[in-house]
Amino acid sequence: MDILIALIPAVMWGSILLVSSKLGGKAYSQTIGLTGGALLFSIVAFFIVSPELTWKIFIVGFVSGLFWSVGQMNQFSAVEYLGVSKTQPISTGMQLIGTSLFGVLLFGEWSTQTKLLIGIAALAFIIVGVVFTSLNDKNNKEADGKSQFGKGMFTLFISTLGYIGYFIVVQWFGVEGWSAILPQSLGMLAGALLLTFRHKPFNKYATRNILTGFVWATGNIGLLVAAPRVGVATSFSFSQMGIIISTLGGIFLLGEKKSKKQITFVIIGCILIIVGGVLLGFTKK
């Protein structure tokens, strides 16, 4: 049962881009809908669990949520350039690399020689995996022009900076878990409003994407519940496996055009990124 709970984040987070793509709308409406749904979910969870909430926790959680909104909106935007099957694995790889490097530089992680070697090997797997998922078939260039790919990668770079900020802030101030849920979701919605209000995001697609917010929040709760049961390393590693769902779902459910060679590249890349994510989990023990 504990392992099944640990798989909840992978299933939920791996489905977000698929669900949002099916529900429709531009990145602005999708972001507003997701953050609105996450806030509704977190309010209910907050009153059920009744975690500690101080001004420090509120401010740190709120700022973390602001960073998250930058990460999520730009990830949604990247889908328009790269498609789900490329965006998710590349985004996951960039996040793992970024958060790991900041963890080493700011928090002194990988403090032993063994952890350092495992960490370096993990980053190598992830980097090679990202390269594989971004490869194009030379005979299928029209599916993804260089300009689209460049825009998509730049958008994912901004997205990664947002996600790293979301992670670093709560780690730096030692605010994690249930206490951060409500202030984070408030910051997420506030950030989404600041980023999207000029683009008139309030439409039927924003309403539909409230469901996406429920999906994200369910994954978040799953990770919080799983961590004390199976350990941080295992729950962290399992949460990375969602890229299988989003990547294959983008190809087979959303019908994103790929040659057989591209599908092979993407699958190999996903496997390498997952291996890297699992190895990073061992450095957290």
Protein backbone atom coordinates (compact mmCIF):
# COMPACT_ATOMS: atom_id res chain seq x y z
CA MET A 1 0.00 0.00 0.00
CA ASP A 2 2.82 2.43 0.86
CA ILE A 3 4.40 1.90 -2.57
CA LEU A 4 1.06 2.59 -4.25
CA ILE A 5 0.79 5.85 -2.31
CA ALA A 6 4.32 6.74 -3.39
CA LEU A 7 3.27 6.29 -7.03
CA ILE A 8 0.42 8.82 -6.71
CA PRO A 9 2.66 11.87 -7.43
CA ALA A 10 4.07 10.18 -10.54
CA VAL A 11 0.61 9.37 -11.91
CA MET A 12 -0.89 12.76 -11.05
CA TRP A 13 1.99 15.02 -12.07
CA GLY A 14 2.69 12.92 -15.13
CA SER A 15 -0.91 13.52 -16.23
CA ILE A 16 -1.02 17.31 -15.79
CA LEU A 17 0.12 18.31 -19.28
CA LEU A 18 -2.06 15.61 -20.83
CA VAL A 19 -5.14 16.72 -18.90
CA SER A 20 -4.55 20.42 -19.57
CA SER A 21 -4.01 19.75 -23.28
CA LYS A 22 -7.26 17.79 -23.47
CA LEU A 23 -9.16 20.48 -21.55
CA GLY A 24 -7.83 23.12 -23.94
CA GLY A 25 -6.93 26.79 -23.66
CA LYS A 26 -3.76 28.85 -23.80
CA ALA A 27 -1.05 28.70 -21.13
CA TYR A 28 -2.57 31.72 -19.35
CA SER A 29 -5.98 30.14 -18.86
CA GLN A 30 -4.45 26.79 -17.97
CA THR A 31 -2.28 28.41 -15.29
CA ILE A 32 -5.19 30.32 -13.74
CA GLY A 33 -7.36 27.21 -13.73
CA LEU A 34 -4.66 25.00 -12.21
CA THR A 35 -3.79 27.45 -9.44
CA GLY A 36 -7.46 28.05 -8.66
CA GLY A 37 -8.09 24.33 -8.34
CA ALA A 38 -4.97 23.87 -6.22
CA LEU A 39 -6.12 26.63 -3.86
CA LEU A 40 -9.56 25.09 -3.39
CA PHE A 41 -7.97 21.71 -2.69
CA SER A 42 -5.42 23.16 -0.24
CA ILE A 43 -8.09 25.01 1.75
CA VAL A 44 -9.92 21.75 2.37
CA ALA A 45 -6.66 19.94 3.22
CA PHE A 46 -5.58 22.73 5.56
CA PHE A 47 -8.70 22.53 7.69
CA ILE A 48 -8.56 18.73 7.80
CA VAL A 49 -4.89 18.52 8.85
CA SER A 50 -4.66 21.87 10.75
CA PRO A 51 -0.87 22.28 10.37
CA GLU A 52 1.21 24.97 12.05
CA LEU A 53 0.95 28.36 10.35
CA THR A 54 3.13 31.29 11.41
CA TRP A 55 3.93 34.53 9.63
CA LYS A 56 7.31 33.11 8.61
CA ILE A 57 5.69 29.99 7.15
CA PHE A 58 3.06 32.10 5.38
CA ILE A 59 5.55 34.51 3.78
CA VAL A 60 8.02 31.79 2.75
CA GLY A 61 5.24 29.59 1.38
CA PHE A 62 3.68 32.52 -0.48
CA VAL A 63 6.99 33.52 -2.13
CA SER A 64 7.61 29.86 -3.03
CA GLY A 65 4.21 29.79 -4.72
CA LEU A 66 5.07 32.91 -6.73
CA PHE A 67 8.15 31.18 -8.11
CA TRP A 68 6.10 28.07 -8.87
CA SER A 69 3.64 30.05 -10.98
CA VAL A 70 6.53 31.24 -13.17
CA GLY A 71 7.67 27.65 -13.56
CA GLN A 72 4.26 26.22 -14.37
CA MET A 73 3.07 28.91 -16.78
CA ASN A 74 6.25 28.68 -18.81
CA GLN A 75 6.01 24.89 -18.85
CA PHE A 76 2.51 25.21 -20.30
CA SER A 77 3.86 27.71 -22.84
CA ALA A 78 6.65 25.34 -23.86
CA VAL A 79 4.08 22.73 -24.88
CA GLU A 80 2.95 25.05 -27.68
CA TYR A 81 6.48 24.90 -29.15
CA LEU A 82 7.63 21.38 -28.30
CA GLY A 83 4.56 19.28 -27.56
CA VAL A 84 3.92 17.31 -24.38
CA SER A 85 6.14 14.36 -25.29
CA LYS A 86 9.22 16.61 -25.45
CA THR A 87 8.34 19.25 -22.88
CA GLN A 88 7.84 16.95 -19.90
CA PRO A 89 11.06 14.89 -20.04
CA ILE A 90 13.24 17.90 -20.89
CA SER A 91 11.59 19.97 -18.15
CA THR A 92 12.00 17.17 -15.60
CA GLY A 93 15.65 16.73 -16.51
CA MET A 94 16.40 20.45 -16.28
CA GLN A 95 14.67 20.66 -12.89
CA LEU A 96 16.59 17.69 -11.51
CA ILE A 97 19.89 19.15 -12.68
CA GLY A 98 19.10 22.64 -11.38
CA THR A 99 17.80 21.65 -7.96
CA SER A 100 20.67 19.18 -7.48
CA LEU A 101 23.34 21.77 -8.29
CA PHE A 102 21.75 24.35 -6.00
CA GLY A 103 21.43 21.70 -3.30
CA VAL A 104 25.16 21.06 -3.51
CA LEU A 105 26.16 24.72 -3.66
CA LEU A 106 23.79 26.13 -1.04
CA PHE A 107 23.02 23.25 1.30
CA GLY A 108 26.19 21.18 1.16
CA GLU A 109 24.48 18.06 -0.17
CA TRP A 110 26.56 15.17 -1.55
CA SER A 111 28.85 15.67 1.43
CA THR A 112 30.49 12.23 1.18
CA GLN A 113 32.60 10.82 -1.63
CA THR A 114 30.01 8.11 -2.31
CA LYS A 115 27.18 10.63 -2.62
CA LEU A 116 29.31 12.82 -4.84
CA LEU A 117 30.06 9.96 -7.23
CA ILE A 118 26.42 8.86 -7.30
CA GLY A 119 25.31 12.45 -7.86
CA ILE A 120 27.71 13.01 -10.75
CA ALA A 121 26.61 9.74 -12.34
CA ALA A 122 22.97 10.76 -11.89
CA LEU A 123 23.52 14.12 -13.60
CA ALA A 124 25.32 12.38 -16.46
CA PHE A 125 22.35 10.04 -17.00
CA ILE A 126 19.94 12.97 -16.88
CA ILE A 127 21.92 15.15 -19.29
CA VAL A 128 22.24 12.33 -21.83
CA GLY A 129 18.53 11.56 -21.36
CA VAL A 130 17.58 15.17 -22.07
CA VAL A 131 19.72 15.12 -25.21
CA PHE A 132 17.99 11.95 -26.40
CA THR A 133 14.48 13.32 -25.81
CA SER A 134 15.35 16.48 -27.76
CA LEU A 135 16.77 14.71 -30.81
CA ASN A 136 14.96 15.04 -34.12
CA ASP A 137 14.86 12.54 -36.93
CA LYS A 138 16.77 14.02 -39.86
CA ASN A 139 14.04 12.74 -42.14
CA ASN A 140 11.33 14.46 -40.11
CA LYS A 141 12.57 18.00 -39.70
CA GLU A 142 9.27 19.59 -40.60
CA ALA A 143 7.71 18.29 -37.37
CA ASP A 144 9.81 20.62 -35.27
CA GLY A 145 11.70 23.56 -36.79
CA LYS A 146 14.83 24.99 -35.20
CA SER A 147 13.09 28.26 -34.30
CA GLN A 148 10.30 26.46 -32.48
CA PHE A 149 12.77 24.29 -30.62
CA GLY A 150 14.85 27.30 -29.60
CA LYS A 151 11.81 29.15 -28.29
CA GLY A 152 10.68 26.06 -26.44
CA MET A 153 14.06 25.52 -24.79
CA PHE A 154 14.31 29.15 -23.71
CA THR A 155 10.80 28.96 -22.26
CA LEU A 156 11.76 25.80 -20.36
CA PHE A 157 14.88 27.55 -19.06
CA ILE A 158 12.70 30.27 -17.53
CA SER A 159 10.34 27.58 -16.26
CA THR A 160 13.24 25.76 -14.59
CA LEU A 161 14.38 28.95 -12.84
CA GLY A 162 10.87 29.33 -11.44
CA TYR A 163 10.73 25.74 -10.21
CA ILE A 164 14.21 26.02 -8.66
CA GLY A 165 13.12 29.16 -6.79
CA TYR A 166 10.02 27.32 -5.58
CA PHE A 167 12.21 24.53 -4.20
CA ILE A 168 15.09 26.63 -2.83
CA VAL A 169 12.97 29.10 -0.85
CA VAL A 170 11.24 26.49 1.31
CA GLN A 171 14.48 24.53 1.76
CA TRP A 172 16.45 27.61 2.78
CA PHE A 173 13.99 28.59 5.49
CA GLY A 174 13.16 25.04 6.55
CA VAL A 175 9.47 25.29 5.65
CA GLU A 176 8.10 22.11 4.13
CA GLY A 177 5.19 19.73 4.10
CA TRP A 178 1.67 20.38 5.24
CA SER A 179 2.44 23.79 6.75
CA ALA A 180 3.36 25.24 3.35
CA ILE A 181 0.33 23.97 1.41
CA LEU A 182 -2.10 26.86 1.92
CA PRO A 183 0.36 29.81 1.67
CA GLN A 184 2.00 28.20 -1.36
CA SER A 185 -1.30 27.85 -3.18
CA LEU A 186 -2.15 31.48 -2.39
CA GLY A 187 1.22 32.53 -3.83
CA MET A 188 0.63 30.32 -6.85
CA LEU A 189 -2.69 32.01 -7.60
CA ALA A 190 -1.29 35.50 -6.96
CA GLY A 191 1.64 34.84 -9.28
CA ALA A 192 -0.67 33.43 -11.94
CA LEU A 193 -2.84 36.55 -11.78
CA LEU A 194 0.18 38.85 -12.10
CA LEU A 195 1.54 36.90 -15.08
CA THR A 196 -1.71 36.50 -16.98
CA PHE A 197 -4.12 39.38 -16.24
CA ARG A 198 -3.15 41.29 -19.40
CA HIS A 199 -4.07 38.29 -21.52
CA LYS A 200 -7.65 37.96 -20.26
CA PRO A 201 -7.28 34.38 -19.00
CA PHE A 202 -10.72 34.11 -17.44
CA ASN A 203 -12.75 31.99 -19.83
CA LYS A 204 -14.27 28.54 -20.07
CA TYR A 205 -10.82 26.98 -20.38
CA ALA A 206 -9.73 28.46 -17.06
CA THR A 207 -12.81 26.93 -15.46
CA ARG A 208 -12.13 23.56 -17.05
CA ASN A 209 -8.54 23.57 -15.86
CA ILE A 210 -9.61 23.74 -12.23
CA LEU A 211 -9.61 19.97 -12.66
CA THR A 212 -5.90 20.18 -13.50
CA GLY A 213 -5.39 21.93 -10.17
CA PHE A 214 -7.07 19.04 -8.38
CA VAL A 215 -4.75 16.64 -10.21
CA TRP A 216 -1.66 18.62 -9.18
CA ALA A 217 -2.81 18.95 -5.57
CA THR A 218 -3.56 15.23 -5.30
CA GLY A 219 0.00 14.50 -6.39
CA ASN A 220 1.34 16.98 -3.85
CA ILE A 221 -0.67 15.38 -1.03
CA GLY A 222 0.49 11.94 -2.19
CA LEU A 223 4.12 13.01 -1.87
CA LEU A 224 3.56 14.44 1.62
CA VAL A 225 1.88 11.24 2.77
CA ALA A 226 4.41 8.93 1.10
CA ALA A 227 7.61 10.62 2.32
CA PRO A 228 7.32 9.57 6.00
CA ARG A 229 6.13 6.08 5.00
CA VAL A 230 8.71 5.03 2.44
CA GLY A 231 11.38 7.68 2.99
CA VAL A 232 12.32 10.86 1.16
CA ALA A 233 14.67 9.07 -1.24
CA THR A 234 12.08 6.53 -2.43
CA SER A 235 9.20 9.01 -2.67
CA PHE A 236 11.40 11.49 -4.55
CA SER A 237 12.56 8.82 -7.00
CA PHE A 238 9.05 7.51 -7.63
CA SER A 239 7.74 11.02 -8.29
CA GLN A 240 10.06 11.30 -11.32
CA MET A 241 8.45 8.36 -13.10
CA GLY A 242 5.51 10.45 -14.24
CA ILE A 243 7.43 11.42 -17.36
CA ILE A 244 6.59 7.97 -18.75
CA ILE A 245 2.89 8.81 -18.60
CA SER A 246 3.19 12.30 -20.06
CA THR A 247 5.68 11.36 -22.77
CA LEU A 248 3.92 8.27 -24.07
CA GLY A 249 0.54 9.94 -23.54
CA GLY A 250 1.61 12.86 -25.71
CA ILE A 251 2.54 10.49 -28.51
CA PHE A 252 -0.28 7.94 -28.32
CA LEU A 253 -3.17 9.87 -26.71
CA LEU A 254 -2.63 13.37 -28.11
CA GLY A 255 -1.36 12.09 -31.44
CA GLU A 256 1.85 14.12 -31.53
CA LYS A 257 3.67 13.22 -34.72
CA LYS A 258 6.86 11.25 -34.23
CA SER A 259 8.83 8.95 -36.47
CA LYS A 260 9.76 5.50 -35.15
CA LYS A 261 13.30 6.74 -34.62
CA GLN A 262 12.09 9.75 -32.60
CA ILE A 263 9.88 7.54 -30.44
CA THR A 264 12.92 5.35 -29.76
CA PHE A 265 15.00 8.42 -28.86
CA VAL A 266 12.30 9.71 -26.49
CA ILE A 267 11.81 6.37 -24.73
CA ILE A 268 15.57 5.91 -24.24
CA GLY A 269 15.82 9.49 -22.96
CA CYS A 270 12.98 8.97 -20.49
CA ILE A 271 14.59 5.79 -19.15
CA LEU A 272 17.91 7.59 -18.66
CA ILE A 273 16.24 10.51 -16.86
CA ILE A 274 14.36 8.12 -14.57
CA VAL A 275 17.60 6.26 -13.78
CA GLY A 276 19.21 9.60 -12.97
CA GLY A 277 16.27 10.57 -10.77
CA VAL A 278 16.48 7.27 -8.86
CA LEU A 279 20.22 7.74 -8.33
CA LEU A 280 19.59 11.25 -7.01
CA GLY A 281 17.17 9.70 -4.57
CA PHE A 282 20.05 7.67 -3.11
CA THR A 283 22.02 10.88 -2.47
CA LYS A 284 19.18 12.05 -0.22
CA LYS A 285 19.52 9.13 2.17
